[in-house]
Amino acid sequence: MTKKILRITASVVIVILALAFMLGIYALTVTFSTTAITIDTSKRFQTMQGFGASSAWIYQDLGAQEDVNLKNAAMEMLYGDSGLALNTFRYNIGAGGVEVDNYEDPLRGAESFFVADNFDGNYKVFADESNYDFTRDQATLDLFDRALATGNIERIVFFANSPHYLMTKNGKTHGENYYDNNLKEECYEAFSQYLLVIVEHIYNNYVRRYNRNIEILISPVNEPQWKWGGDDASQEGCHFDPKPLAKFYDTFYNALKEFNKSHDTNFEMDIFESGNYKMILSTRTKFNEYMTEFEKYEFFQDITHISLHSYGANESVFYREIFADYMAKYYPNISISMSEYCTLEWNVDESIDMGLRCGKVIMRDVAILDATDWSHWLSIAKGGYEDGLVYWTKNDGGISSLDVTKRYYVMGHFSKYIDRGSVRISSNYSDFLGINGVECAAFKNPDDSITVVILNDSKKSHRIVLNGVSGYSRVKEVLTDSDVNWQTREYDFGGDVKVPANSISTFVLTR
């Protein structure tokens, strides 16, 4: 018996050593040789809709500044061709929290257009535009107008973090307690009309002056699964349990349908703005419980996409694969919109490492979740937290400056070179164990060019052959690493490309 055990043990050891040897050879080969990305334009996935960011909070301050050059520069950095060329503007419709909530940061209690003094106890007043003052929130509207003037905005998402405080159970823009369903049920229609009156005014007085064909989406609820209440509430927010949320969406859907019919518009309802797709595994506020309730109503038949946030999931492949499998199994005809993300960390990290962290989130949301669009949370922040693309600061003399981090440049590798209407195509990388730290995504653009984004999160540079792109003879290369930002060069394409250590590169191939 002992000899038999020894023979078995020896065999196992030999197998382990052989595997280790082969893996070692594989690792050395991958590390020191040229590897390949095989692109297959016949294998197509989602059609891209664009990239964006939110107007929340700081716009209420920056837009009030007298420095026109400062405001124009900020919008150019975000929406202009020389900047990120974002095509999606997320407009935050305030709930009036600045009037009633004592938030530490008053900008988190956004100004509302509705004049509270006009409320007479009858909620029908919210449907009458004469009860609104559209000289309010002018700071945000000023920047919105400048963003539209860049000519790049093709999609606008009007989103609300909370109903107006006059419609809530506790008269505040957050719940009295954790997980309170704070919107009064008798106010479902009033809240719907509140949003439609505001969107109609902004659409007619701002959007139509530039382009009537801009896509308009209205997202009435933001992150309904979060607790949004208690003494530590620090910003506008409203929790909804699955049943009341589904019922409210049904009310809003019917109001929007009637609005579109009477106004000859085609505004869309945007749901679900889920705080985190990890919640498919949570014990409370499970994602699938909300979807089950949504399915009971007519509106769900018209839903073509749902919006999610990547907060807390960060770079995790595990959660993305679980969620992607869930959607493919139960809702194969519903696409994913990734509408908010920041790293939820203090301080402002300007390093390439932080930039590549954000790049991985974008890459994996697009390549694993098949996200059709991707938006960062705050477009402009004031510093101290990892939540902005552009940081606005004032020195002691009152002089303003606009600064960015590597995260800004990394996002530009996607937003500047993946056009709306581009289709993600298959891009298989030969390093199947991920030893190289290389990730990629490829897109066929409407003009027949191919964009390949390659992120190299390793300490070694790599030369990579691009297979499947015969007929493409020129390449535009854009590089960001610890030393350079959007360094660009063009040359004849010889079949392979080089990606430096700790970098992100975008290659645009043309015939």
Protein backbone atom coordinates (compact mmCIF):
# COMPACT_ATOMS: atom_id res chain seq x y z
CA MET A 1 0.00 0.00 0.00
CA THR A 2 2.81 2.37 0.94
CA LYS A 3 4.62 1.79 -2.37
CA LYS A 4 1.37 2.38 -4.28
CA ILE A 5 0.84 5.70 -2.47
CA LEU A 6 4.42 6.67 -3.20
CA ARG A 7 3.98 5.84 -6.91
CA ILE A 8 0.77 7.93 -7.06
CA THR A 9 2.43 10.80 -5.21
CA ALA A 10 5.43 10.69 -7.53
CA SER A 11 3.13 10.78 -10.56
CA VAL A 12 1.27 13.78 -9.19
CA VAL A 13 4.54 15.59 -8.50
CA ILE A 14 5.74 14.86 -12.05
CA VAL A 15 2.49 16.19 -13.52
CA ILE A 16 2.69 19.34 -11.38
CA LEU A 17 6.31 19.91 -12.34
CA ALA A 18 5.50 19.38 -16.00
CA LEU A 19 2.64 21.85 -15.83
CA ALA A 20 4.80 24.34 -13.98
CA PHE A 21 7.52 23.93 -16.61
CA MET A 22 5.07 24.45 -19.46
CA LEU A 23 3.50 27.47 -17.79
CA GLY A 24 6.96 28.84 -17.15
CA ILE A 25 7.87 28.43 -20.81
CA TYR A 26 4.52 30.02 -21.74
CA ALA A 27 5.15 32.96 -19.43
CA LEU A 28 8.62 33.52 -20.82
CA THR A 29 7.35 33.23 -24.38
CA VAL A 30 4.50 35.68 -23.80
CA THR A 31 6.71 38.10 -21.92
CA PHE A 32 9.58 38.27 -24.35
CA SER A 33 8.02 37.52 -27.72
CA THR A 34 5.55 39.23 -29.99
CA THR A 35 1.95 38.35 -29.20
CA ALA A 36 -1.14 38.93 -31.29
CA ILE A 37 -4.59 40.47 -31.28
CA THR A 38 -6.87 38.81 -33.79
CA ILE A 39 -9.59 41.14 -35.01
CA ASP A 40 -12.69 39.71 -36.63
CA THR A 41 -14.99 42.34 -38.14
CA SER A 42 -17.66 39.73 -38.83
CA LYS A 43 -18.21 39.13 -35.11
CA ARG A 44 -20.15 42.16 -33.97
CA PHE A 45 -21.45 43.13 -30.57
CA GLN A 46 -23.05 46.35 -29.28
CA THR A 47 -23.42 49.60 -31.19
CA MET A 48 -21.83 52.45 -29.27
CA GLN A 49 -23.86 55.52 -28.34
CA GLY A 50 -21.13 57.63 -26.77
CA PHE A 51 -19.48 58.96 -23.64
CA GLY A 52 -20.51 61.61 -21.14
CA ALA A 53 -20.51 63.06 -17.65
CA SER A 54 -22.83 64.75 -15.17
CA SER A 55 -23.56 68.44 -14.57
CA ALA A 56 -24.31 67.89 -10.88
CA TRP A 57 -23.21 70.14 -8.03
CA ILE A 58 -20.24 72.24 -9.15
CA TYR A 59 -22.03 73.67 -12.19
CA GLN A 60 -24.17 75.68 -9.79
CA ASP A 61 -21.03 77.54 -8.73
CA LEU A 62 -18.80 77.58 -11.79
CA GLY A 63 -21.62 78.74 -14.06
CA ALA A 64 -22.23 81.73 -11.78
CA GLN A 65 -18.70 83.06 -12.32
CA GLU A 66 -18.22 86.16 -14.45
CA ASP A 67 -15.14 84.80 -16.19
CA VAL A 68 -16.51 83.81 -19.61
CA ASN A 69 -13.15 82.46 -20.78
CA LEU A 70 -13.01 80.14 -17.77
CA LYS A 71 -16.47 78.73 -18.48
CA ASN A 72 -15.81 78.31 -22.18
CA ALA A 73 -12.52 76.57 -21.45
CA ALA A 74 -14.19 74.13 -19.05
CA MET A 75 -16.84 73.14 -21.59
CA GLU A 76 -14.23 72.83 -24.34
CA MET A 77 -12.15 70.51 -22.15
CA LEU A 78 -15.18 68.28 -21.71
CA TYR A 79 -17.26 68.56 -24.89
CA GLY A 80 -14.99 70.25 -27.43
CA ASP A 81 -12.89 68.61 -30.13
CA SER A 82 -9.65 69.62 -28.41
CA GLY A 83 -10.90 68.05 -25.18
CA LEU A 84 -12.73 64.81 -24.48
CA ALA A 85 -15.33 65.40 -27.23
CA LEU A 86 -18.03 63.94 -24.98
CA ASN A 87 -21.36 63.59 -26.78
CA THR A 88 -23.61 62.86 -23.77
CA PHE A 89 -24.66 65.57 -21.30
CA ARG A 90 -26.29 64.39 -18.05
CA TYR A 91 -28.36 67.30 -16.71
CA ASN A 92 -29.22 67.11 -13.01
CA ILE A 93 -32.79 68.31 -12.31
CA GLY A 94 -32.70 69.62 -8.75
CA ALA A 95 -35.28 68.85 -6.07
CA GLY A 96 -34.93 72.11 -4.13
CA GLY A 97 -32.79 70.65 -1.38
CA VAL A 98 -30.92 73.94 -1.08
CA GLU A 99 -34.15 75.44 0.32
CA VAL A 100 -34.82 72.92 3.08
CA ASP A 101 -31.86 70.61 3.68
CA ASN A 102 -28.85 71.59 5.73
CA TYR A 103 -26.27 69.65 3.77
CA GLU A 104 -22.64 70.29 4.64
CA ASP A 105 -22.07 71.05 0.97
CA PRO A 106 -25.05 73.19 -0.12
CA LEU A 107 -24.34 72.44 -3.79
CA ARG A 108 -25.56 68.88 -3.16
CA GLY A 109 -29.03 70.28 -2.51
CA ALA A 110 -29.71 71.49 -6.01
CA GLU A 111 -31.88 74.51 -6.86
CA SER A 112 -35.36 73.75 -8.21
CA PHE A 113 -37.24 75.66 -10.90
CA PHE A 114 -40.56 75.19 -9.09
CA VAL A 115 -41.63 78.13 -6.91
CA ALA A 116 -42.67 76.61 -3.59
CA ASP A 117 -44.80 79.66 -2.68
CA ASN A 118 -47.11 78.71 -5.55
CA PHE A 119 -48.03 75.41 -3.94
CA ASP A 120 -51.58 75.62 -2.58
CA GLY A 121 -51.94 72.04 -1.41
CA ASN A 122 -53.15 70.83 -4.79
CA TYR A 123 -50.43 68.84 -6.55
CA LYS A 124 -51.86 69.71 -9.95
CA VAL A 125 -49.92 73.00 -9.75
CA PHE A 126 -46.80 71.06 -10.74
CA ALA A 127 -48.22 70.57 -14.24
CA ASP A 128 -48.54 74.36 -14.83
CA GLU A 129 -45.40 76.00 -16.22
CA SER A 130 -46.50 79.38 -14.83
CA ASN A 131 -45.62 78.05 -11.36
CA TYR A 132 -41.97 77.69 -12.35
CA ASP A 133 -39.19 80.27 -12.41
CA PHE A 134 -36.75 79.44 -15.20
CA THR A 135 -34.40 82.23 -14.18
CA ARG A 136 -33.33 79.76 -11.49
CA ASP A 137 -30.48 77.30 -11.96
CA GLN A 138 -29.04 79.78 -14.45
CA ALA A 139 -25.49 78.81 -13.57
CA THR A 140 -26.08 75.26 -14.75
CA LEU A 141 -28.07 76.38 -17.79
CA ASP A 142 -25.28 78.79 -18.73
CA LEU A 143 -22.73 75.97 -18.87
CA PHE A 144 -25.25 73.70 -20.57
CA ASP A 145 -25.68 76.28 -23.31
CA ARG A 146 -21.92 76.56 -23.78
CA ALA A 147 -21.62 72.79 -23.95
CA LEU A 148 -24.30 72.66 -26.65
CA ALA A 149 -22.39 75.31 -28.60
CA THR A 150 -19.46 72.91 -29.10
CA GLY A 151 -21.67 71.03 -31.55
CA ASN A 152 -20.72 67.59 -30.23
CA ILE A 153 -23.66 66.83 -27.94
CA GLU A 154 -25.92 64.18 -29.44
CA ARG A 155 -27.59 62.80 -26.30
CA ILE A 156 -29.00 64.53 -23.21
CA VAL A 157 -30.08 62.61 -20.14
CA PHE A 158 -32.17 64.65 -17.69
CA PHE A 159 -31.89 62.88 -14.35
CA ALA A 160 -33.33 63.51 -10.89
CA ASN A 161 -31.83 62.36 -7.61
CA SER A 162 -35.01 63.09 -5.65
CA PRO A 163 -38.56 64.32 -6.18
CA HIS A 164 -39.24 67.92 -5.18
CA TYR A 165 -39.33 68.14 -1.38
CA LEU A 166 -43.02 69.18 -1.43
CA MET A 167 -43.83 65.71 -2.77
CA THR A 168 -41.89 63.71 -0.18
CA LYS A 169 -43.24 62.18 3.02
CA ASN A 170 -40.85 64.06 5.30
CA GLY A 171 -40.60 67.32 3.32
CA LYS A 172 -36.91 66.72 2.61
CA THR A 173 -34.90 65.55 -0.36
CA HIS A 174 -33.75 62.43 1.51
CA GLY A 175 -35.57 59.89 3.68
CA GLU A 176 -36.15 60.34 7.39
CA ASN A 177 -34.75 56.85 7.94
CA TYR A 178 -32.65 54.43 5.94
CA TYR A 179 -34.53 52.84 3.02
CA ASP A 180 -37.62 55.05 3.38
CA ASN A 181 -39.82 55.13 0.28
CA ASN A 182 -39.97 58.89 0.49
CA LEU A 183 -42.13 59.83 -2.53
CA LYS A 184 -45.82 60.07 -1.64
CA GLU A 185 -47.88 57.71 -3.77
CA GLU A 186 -50.41 60.45 -4.48
CA CYS A 187 -47.53 62.46 -6.00
CA TYR A 188 -46.52 59.97 -8.70
CA GLU A 189 -48.37 61.96 -11.34
CA ALA A 190 -47.20 65.32 -9.96
CA PHE A 191 -43.56 64.24 -10.03
CA SER A 192 -44.02 63.03 -13.59
CA GLN A 193 -45.43 66.39 -14.65
CA TYR A 194 -42.70 68.23 -12.74
CA LEU A 195 -40.04 66.51 -14.82
CA LEU A 196 -41.90 66.96 -18.11
CA VAL A 197 -42.49 70.69 -17.59
CA ILE A 198 -38.80 71.26 -16.86
CA VAL A 199 -37.51 69.12 -19.73
CA GLU A 200 -39.94 70.71 -22.19
CA HIS A 201 -38.81 74.22 -21.27
CA ILE A 202 -35.09 73.42 -21.51
CA TYR A 203 -35.62 71.52 -24.75
CA ASN A 204 -37.57 74.34 -26.40
CA ASN A 205 -35.39 77.19 -25.15
CA TYR A 206 -31.93 75.66 -25.40
CA VAL A 207 -31.70 72.35 -27.25
CA ARG A 208 -33.84 73.23 -30.27
CA ARG A 209 -31.70 76.29 -30.96
CA TYR A 210 -28.85 73.94 -31.83
CA ASN A 211 -30.28 70.65 -33.06
CA ARG A 212 -33.78 69.28 -32.76
CA ASN A 213 -32.49 65.78 -33.47
CA ILE A 214 -30.55 65.46 -30.24
CA GLU A 215 -31.70 62.35 -28.38
CA ILE A 216 -33.58 63.22 -25.18
CA LEU A 217 -33.83 60.78 -22.28
CA ILE A 218 -35.46 61.35 -18.90
CA SER A 219 -34.27 59.36 -15.91
CA PRO A 220 -36.67 60.12 -13.05
CA VAL A 221 -35.02 57.92 -10.40
CA ASN A 222 -31.35 57.60 -9.51
CA GLU A 223 -29.89 54.73 -7.49
CA PRO A 224 -33.17 53.59 -5.91
CA GLN A 225 -31.50 50.69 -4.06
CA TRP A 226 -29.35 52.90 -1.82
CA LYS A 227 -30.58 53.75 1.69
CA TRP A 228 -30.87 57.54 1.05
CA GLY A 229 -31.91 58.58 4.54
CA GLY A 230 -31.02 59.04 8.17
CA ASP A 231 -29.11 61.72 10.03
CA ASP A 232 -26.01 61.21 7.90
CA ALA A 233 -27.73 61.96 4.55
CA SER A 234 -25.49 64.38 2.68
CA GLN A 235 -27.17 64.91 -0.69
CA GLU A 236 -30.43 64.59 -2.59
CA GLY A 237 -31.56 61.00 -2.99
CA CYS A 238 -34.66 58.82 -2.77
CA HIS A 239 -34.94 55.10 -2.06
CA PHE A 240 -37.60 52.97 -3.76
CA ASP A 241 -38.48 49.36 -3.01
CA PRO A 242 -39.20 47.24 -6.12
CA LYS A 243 -43.03 47.41 -6.07
CA PRO A 244 -43.41 51.21 -5.62
CA LEU A 245 -40.64 51.88 -8.13
CA ALA A 246 -42.32 49.75 -10.78
CA LYS A 247 -45.63 51.46 -10.08
CA PHE A 248 -44.08 54.91 -10.34
CA TYR A 249 -42.30 54.03 -13.59
CA ASP A 250 -45.67 52.95 -14.99
CA THR A 251 -47.17 56.32 -14.05
CA PHE A 252 -44.27 58.22 -15.59
CA TYR A 253 -44.31 56.07 -18.72
CA ASN A 254 -47.97 56.83 -19.36
CA ALA A 255 -47.47 60.54 -18.72
CA LEU A 256 -44.49 60.57 -21.10
CA LYS A 257 -46.43 58.68 -23.78
CA GLU A 258 -49.22 61.25 -23.62
CA PHE A 259 -46.68 64.10 -23.65
CA ASN A 260 -44.91 62.77 -26.76
CA LYS A 261 -48.23 62.34 -28.54
CA SER A 262 -49.42 65.87 -27.80
CA HIS A 263 -46.05 67.58 -28.39
CA ASP A 264 -44.81 65.59 -31.40
CA THR A 265 -41.67 64.60 -29.53
CA ASN A 266 -39.88 61.32 -29.00
CA PHE A 267 -38.46 61.65 -25.50
CA GLU A 268 -37.51 58.33 -23.89
CA MET A 269 -37.75 57.01 -20.35
CA ASP A 270 -34.41 55.95 -18.93
CA ILE A 271 -34.33 53.34 -16.16
CA PHE A 272 -32.93 51.95 -13.75
CA GLU A 273 -29.77 53.85 -12.71
CA SER A 274 -28.95 50.92 -10.43
CA GLY A 275 -26.26 51.91 -7.94
CA ASN A 276 -24.25 48.79 -8.59
CA TYR A 277 -24.73 45.62 -10.61
CA LYS A 278 -23.06 43.71 -7.78
CA MET A 279 -26.47 43.91 -6.17
CA ILE A 280 -27.52 40.92 -8.20
CA LEU A 281 -25.86 38.99 -5.37
CA SER A 282 -27.00 41.19 -2.46
CA THR A 283 -29.32 40.03 0.31
CA ARG A 284 -31.33 43.25 0.22
CA THR A 285 -32.53 45.34 -2.72
CA LYS A 286 -31.67 42.59 -5.17
CA PHE A 287 -31.42 43.65 -8.79
CA ASN A 288 -33.54 40.76 -10.07
CA GLU A 289 -36.39 41.60 -7.66
CA TYR A 290 -36.70 45.02 -9.29
CA MET A 291 -36.63 43.55 -12.77
CA THR A 292 -39.31 41.03 -11.83
CA GLU A 293 -41.60 43.86 -10.74
CA PHE A 294 -40.86 45.90 -13.87
CA GLU A 295 -41.91 43.00 -16.07
CA LYS A 296 -45.45 43.21 -14.72
CA TYR A 297 -46.08 46.56 -16.43
CA GLU A 298 -46.55 47.67 -20.01
CA PHE A 299 -43.61 50.08 -19.94
CA PHE A 300 -41.15 47.21 -19.71
CA GLN A 301 -42.04 46.09 -23.23
CA ASP A 302 -40.65 49.36 -24.59
CA ILE A 303 -37.43 49.26 -22.58
CA THR A 304 -34.43 48.79 -24.90
CA HIS A 305 -31.72 49.45 -22.32
CA ILE A 306 -31.19 49.83 -18.59
CA SER A 307 -28.74 52.18 -16.91
CA LEU A 308 -26.28 50.98 -14.30
CA HIS A 309 -23.48 52.41 -12.19
CA SER A 310 -20.10 50.79 -11.58
CA TYR A 311 -19.58 52.14 -8.06
CA GLY A 312 -17.83 49.61 -5.84
CA ALA A 313 -17.35 47.07 -8.60
CA ASN A 314 -14.27 48.90 -9.84
CA GLU A 315 -12.17 46.59 -12.04
CA SER A 316 -13.79 43.30 -11.00
CA VAL A 317 -14.14 40.83 -13.86
CA PHE A 318 -16.04 38.41 -11.61
CA TYR A 319 -19.09 40.61 -11.01
CA ARG A 320 -19.24 41.75 -14.61
CA GLU A 321 -19.26 38.20 -15.93
CA ILE A 322 -22.00 37.16 -13.50
CA PHE A 323 -24.14 40.13 -14.48
CA ALA A 324 -23.48 39.69 -18.20
CA ASP A 325 -24.53 36.03 -17.97
CA TYR A 326 -27.69 37.03 -16.06
CA MET A 327 -28.69 39.60 -18.68
CA ALA A 328 -27.90 37.26 -21.57
CA LYS A 329 -30.05 34.54 -20.03
CA TYR A 330 -33.10 36.55 -18.94
CA TYR A 331 -33.05 39.82 -20.90
CA PRO A 332 -31.07 39.25 -24.11
CA ASN A 333 -32.79 42.13 -25.93
CA ILE A 334 -31.98 44.77 -23.31
CA SER A 335 -28.66 46.58 -23.61
CA ILE A 336 -26.59 48.20 -20.87
CA SER A 337 -25.86 51.89 -20.38
CA MET A 338 -23.14 52.68 -17.81
CA SER A 339 -24.23 56.09 -16.61
CA GLU A 340 -22.10 56.88 -13.54
CA TYR A 341 -18.74 55.98 -12.07
CA CYS A 342 -15.99 57.33 -9.86
CA THR A 343 -13.53 55.47 -7.63
CA LEU A 344 -15.12 56.67 -4.35
CA GLU A 345 -11.77 57.54 -2.79
CA TRP A 346 -10.43 60.61 -1.03
CA ASN A 347 -7.72 62.90 -2.45
CA VAL A 348 -6.87 63.39 -6.10
CA ASP A 349 -4.43 60.88 -7.56
CA GLU A 350 -2.72 62.26 -10.65
CA SER A 351 -0.72 59.12 -11.40
CA ILE A 352 -0.93 56.92 -14.47
CA ASP A 353 -1.83 54.04 -12.14
CA MET A 354 -5.10 55.74 -11.19
CA GLY A 355 -5.70 56.60 -14.82
CA LEU A 356 -5.30 52.97 -15.86
CA ARG A 357 -7.64 51.88 -13.06
CA CYS A 358 -10.36 54.00 -14.62
CA GLY A 359 -9.36 52.72 -18.05
CA LYS A 360 -9.90 49.13 -16.91
CA VAL A 361 -13.39 50.01 -15.67
CA ILE A 362 -14.29 51.52 -19.04
CA MET A 363 -12.66 48.68 -20.97
CA ARG A 364 -14.36 45.94 -18.96
CA ASP A 365 -17.76 47.64 -18.88
CA VAL A 366 -17.61 47.87 -22.66
CA ALA A 367 -16.00 44.50 -23.38
CA ILE A 368 -17.68 42.31 -20.74
CA LEU A 369 -21.01 44.04 -20.04
CA ASP A 370 -21.39 45.20 -23.66
CA ALA A 371 -22.14 48.72 -22.40
CA THR A 372 -23.34 50.91 -25.27
CA ASP A 373 -22.28 54.13 -23.57
CA TRP A 374 -20.21 55.18 -20.58
CA SER A 375 -20.40 58.29 -18.39
CA HIS A 376 -18.20 59.49 -15.58
CA TRP A 377 -19.94 60.93 -12.51
CA LEU A 378 -18.89 64.57 -12.10
CA SER A 379 -17.57 66.34 -15.13
CA ILE A 380 -16.23 69.15 -12.90
CA ALA A 381 -15.17 68.92 -9.25
CA LYS A 382 -13.35 71.12 -6.76
CA GLY A 383 -10.75 68.66 -5.53
CA GLY A 384 -10.14 66.51 -2.49
CA TYR A 385 -11.95 63.50 -3.95
CA GLU A 386 -11.61 61.18 -6.95
CA ASP A 387 -14.88 62.26 -8.54
CA GLY A 388 -14.08 64.76 -11.29
CA LEU A 389 -12.75 64.77 -14.82
CA VAL A 390 -11.83 68.47 -14.64
CA TYR A 391 -10.86 70.13 -11.35
CA TRP A 392 -11.63 73.79 -10.79
CA THR A 393 -9.62 75.63 -8.13
CA LYS A 394 -9.20 79.21 -6.96
CA ASN A 395 -6.06 80.50 -5.30
CA ASP A 396 -6.03 83.04 -2.46
CA GLY A 397 -6.08 85.86 -4.98
CA GLY A 398 -9.27 84.57 -6.54
CA ILE A 399 -7.54 83.40 -9.71
CA SER A 400 -9.15 80.29 -11.17
CA SER A 401 -7.47 77.34 -12.82
CA LEU A 402 -8.69 74.18 -14.51
CA ASP A 403 -6.65 71.03 -14.03
CA VAL A 404 -6.93 67.41 -15.05
CA THR A 405 -5.41 64.09 -14.04
CA LYS A 406 -4.29 61.05 -16.02
CA ARG A 407 -7.83 59.73 -15.59
CA TYR A 408 -9.04 62.52 -17.90
CA TYR A 409 -6.56 61.58 -20.63
CA VAL A 410 -7.28 57.86 -20.30
CA MET A 411 -11.00 58.47 -20.82
CA GLY A 412 -10.15 60.46 -23.93
CA HIS A 413 -8.64 57.36 -25.49
CA PHE A 414 -12.18 56.05 -25.71
CA SER A 415 -14.37 59.16 -26.03
CA LYS A 416 -12.33 60.88 -28.76
CA TYR A 417 -11.87 57.89 -31.04
CA ILE A 418 -14.98 55.73 -30.71
CA ASP A 419 -17.72 57.43 -32.69
CA ARG A 420 -21.43 57.12 -32.07
CA GLY A 421 -22.60 54.33 -34.32
CA SER A 422 -19.32 52.43 -34.01
CA VAL A 423 -19.75 48.70 -33.46
CA ARG A 424 -17.56 46.72 -31.11
CA ILE A 425 -15.97 43.82 -32.93
CA SER A 426 -14.14 40.70 -31.80
CA SER A 427 -10.55 41.26 -30.62
CA ASN A 428 -8.98 38.13 -29.17
CA TYR A 429 -5.62 38.48 -27.45
CA SER A 430 -3.21 35.53 -27.47
CA ASP A 431 -2.12 35.96 -23.84
CA PHE A 432 -4.98 33.82 -22.49
CA LEU A 433 -3.65 33.79 -18.90
CA GLY A 434 -3.32 37.56 -18.74
CA ILE A 435 0.36 37.48 -17.85
CA ASN A 436 1.17 40.52 -19.98
CA GLY A 437 -1.33 42.80 -18.26
CA VAL A 438 -2.69 43.73 -21.67
CA GLU A 439 -6.40 44.31 -22.41
CA CYS A 440 -7.99 45.48 -25.62
CA ALA A 441 -11.22 46.41 -27.33
CA ALA A 442 -11.79 47.05 -31.04
CA PHE A 443 -14.47 48.97 -32.92
CA LYS A 444 -15.55 49.33 -36.54
CA ASN A 445 -16.37 53.01 -37.10
CA PRO A 446 -19.06 54.35 -39.45
CA ASP A 447 -16.34 55.67 -41.80
CA ASP A 448 -14.87 52.13 -42.17
CA SER A 449 -11.85 52.85 -39.96
CA ILE A 450 -11.05 50.52 -37.07
CA THR A 451 -10.23 51.78 -33.59
CA VAL A 452 -8.23 49.51 -31.30
CA VAL A 453 -7.71 50.55 -27.67
CA ILE A 454 -4.94 48.68 -25.85
CA LEU A 455 -4.25 49.07 -22.13
CA ASN A 456 -0.93 47.74 -20.87
CA ASP A 457 -0.92 47.57 -17.08
CA SER A 458 2.51 45.98 -16.78
CA LYS A 459 6.11 47.09 -16.33
CA LYS A 460 7.14 45.82 -19.76
CA SER A 461 6.49 47.20 -23.21
CA HIS A 462 5.06 44.80 -25.79
CA ARG A 463 5.03 44.52 -29.53
CA ILE A 464 1.67 43.17 -30.68
CA VAL A 465 0.71 41.88 -34.10
CA LEU A 466 -2.75 42.92 -35.28
CA ASN A 467 -4.26 40.09 -37.31
CA GLY A 468 -7.42 40.31 -39.42
CA VAL A 469 -6.92 43.89 -40.64
CA SER A 470 -5.48 43.32 -44.10
CA GLY A 471 -6.19 46.26 -46.39
CA TYR A 472 -5.54 48.84 -43.69
CA SER A 473 -2.36 50.69 -44.58
CA ARG A 474 -2.18 53.71 -42.25
CA VAL A 475 -2.39 54.06 -38.50
CA LYS A 476 -2.90 56.99 -36.17
CA GLU A 477 -1.35 56.18 -32.79
CA VAL A 478 -2.30 58.03 -29.60
CA LEU A 479 -0.34 57.32 -26.40
CA THR A 480 -0.74 58.24 -22.75
CA ASP A 481 1.70 57.03 -20.11
CA SER A 482 3.43 58.53 -17.08
CA ASP A 483 5.34 60.99 -19.27
CA VAL A 484 3.03 61.97 -22.14
CA ASN A 485 -0.66 62.71 -22.72
CA TRP A 486 -2.36 61.98 -26.05
CA GLN A 487 0.99 61.90 -27.84
CA THR A 488 0.01 61.42 -31.47
CA ARG A 489 1.83 60.21 -34.55
CA GLU A 490 0.80 58.74 -37.90
CA TYR A 491 2.68 56.20 -39.99
CA ASP A 492 2.34 53.38 -42.47
CA PHE A 493 0.86 50.31 -40.81
CA GLY A 494 3.20 47.33 -40.97
CA GLY A 495 1.02 44.82 -39.18
CA ASP A 496 2.19 45.32 -35.61
CA VAL A 497 2.14 48.02 -32.94
CA LYS A 498 4.12 48.78 -29.81
CA VAL A 499 2.53 49.47 -26.43
CA PRO A 500 4.86 50.92 -23.75
CA ALA A 501 4.81 49.84 -20.12
CA ASN A 502 2.04 51.28 -17.91
CA SER A 503 0.25 52.94 -20.76
CA ILE A 504 -2.90 53.14 -22.81
CA SER A 505 -2.77 53.46 -26.58
CA THR A 506 -5.42 54.02 -29.22
CA PHE A 507 -4.75 52.97 -32.79
CA VAL A 508 -7.02 54.18 -35.60
CA LEU A 509 -6.50 52.10 -38.75
CA THR A 510 -7.45 53.46 -42.15
CA ARG A 511 -7.20 52.07 -45.66
